[in-house]
Amino acid sequence: MSETPFMLDDAKRLPWPEQYEALANSAKAPVLKAFYEAGCASPDTPVSEVPMVALDFETTGLEADEHSIVSIGLVPFTLDAIQLSHARHWVVRPKLPLHQMSVTFHGITHADIYNAPDLSEILEEVFASLNGRIPVVHFRHIERPFLNVALQYRLDEGIRFPVVDTMAIEAHLHPDRQPSFLKRLVGEKPLSIRLADSRTRYGLPHYAAHNALIDAIATAELLQAQIQHHFSPQTPIGDLWL
């Protein structure tokens, strides 16, 4: 029996491992079915035992319904090691035109995308690195919604998955990052939770920004530092993901 919209809505209320089981039964596209069948860690699994993949997209803008992915960077990792030999980077051809502002931002030009593949041509390669791993991002409102919309466009199916968001962790750690009016008057500035500024607080090296692979590596290193300084290798992954 095919899944009804009501059954899929019910699945969204389940814990993530059970969601994956339900979505594996309803997914039509082979890459999505394989993704869900690869499973999701139990929420009580210590983060030290969870395979992860740092994921970063460069896009033509910030709205998933109006803009497109132009590059993908990812690197598998654990708390113990970042697997640089398995890092991947793709430039992909967006469905919508590049804007000059986005070209200035990420440096990917019309010439770069002229012969680039469509995302549909590399989906199997991308999912080979995602399957069985928990994605880690810095600002979850890019990677998760953009991938969901891109798959809906190409496969007529979206995707659901938990993420660990290093920016959200920094926001949680620094709830008073916005100075009061009086403190602003004497020159105190807000505490930034952008990727580069967050890394600086942990003594991590400066990397050039807005390259998807470099930002993915930077995000993996940041999570390792966050766990070391503020959590524990035994922290359940369910306490970190969103």
Foldseek 3Di string as FASTA:
>chain_A
DADDPVNLVVLVPDPFQSSLVSVLVHDDDPLSVQQSVLGDDDQQFQQQPAKAKEKFFQWLDQDLVPIATQKIWMWIDGLVDTHVVLIDMFGEATPDDHDPVSCVVQVQDPVNHVPGHHCVVCSVVVSVRNRRHAYEYADVSHPQSNQQSSCCVVVVGGDDGKYQHLLVVVCVVCVPQCDDPVVVVVPDHGQDSPLQSLCVVLVHDDDDPNRGNVNSVSRSVSVSSCCVPPNDSSNRVNVGID
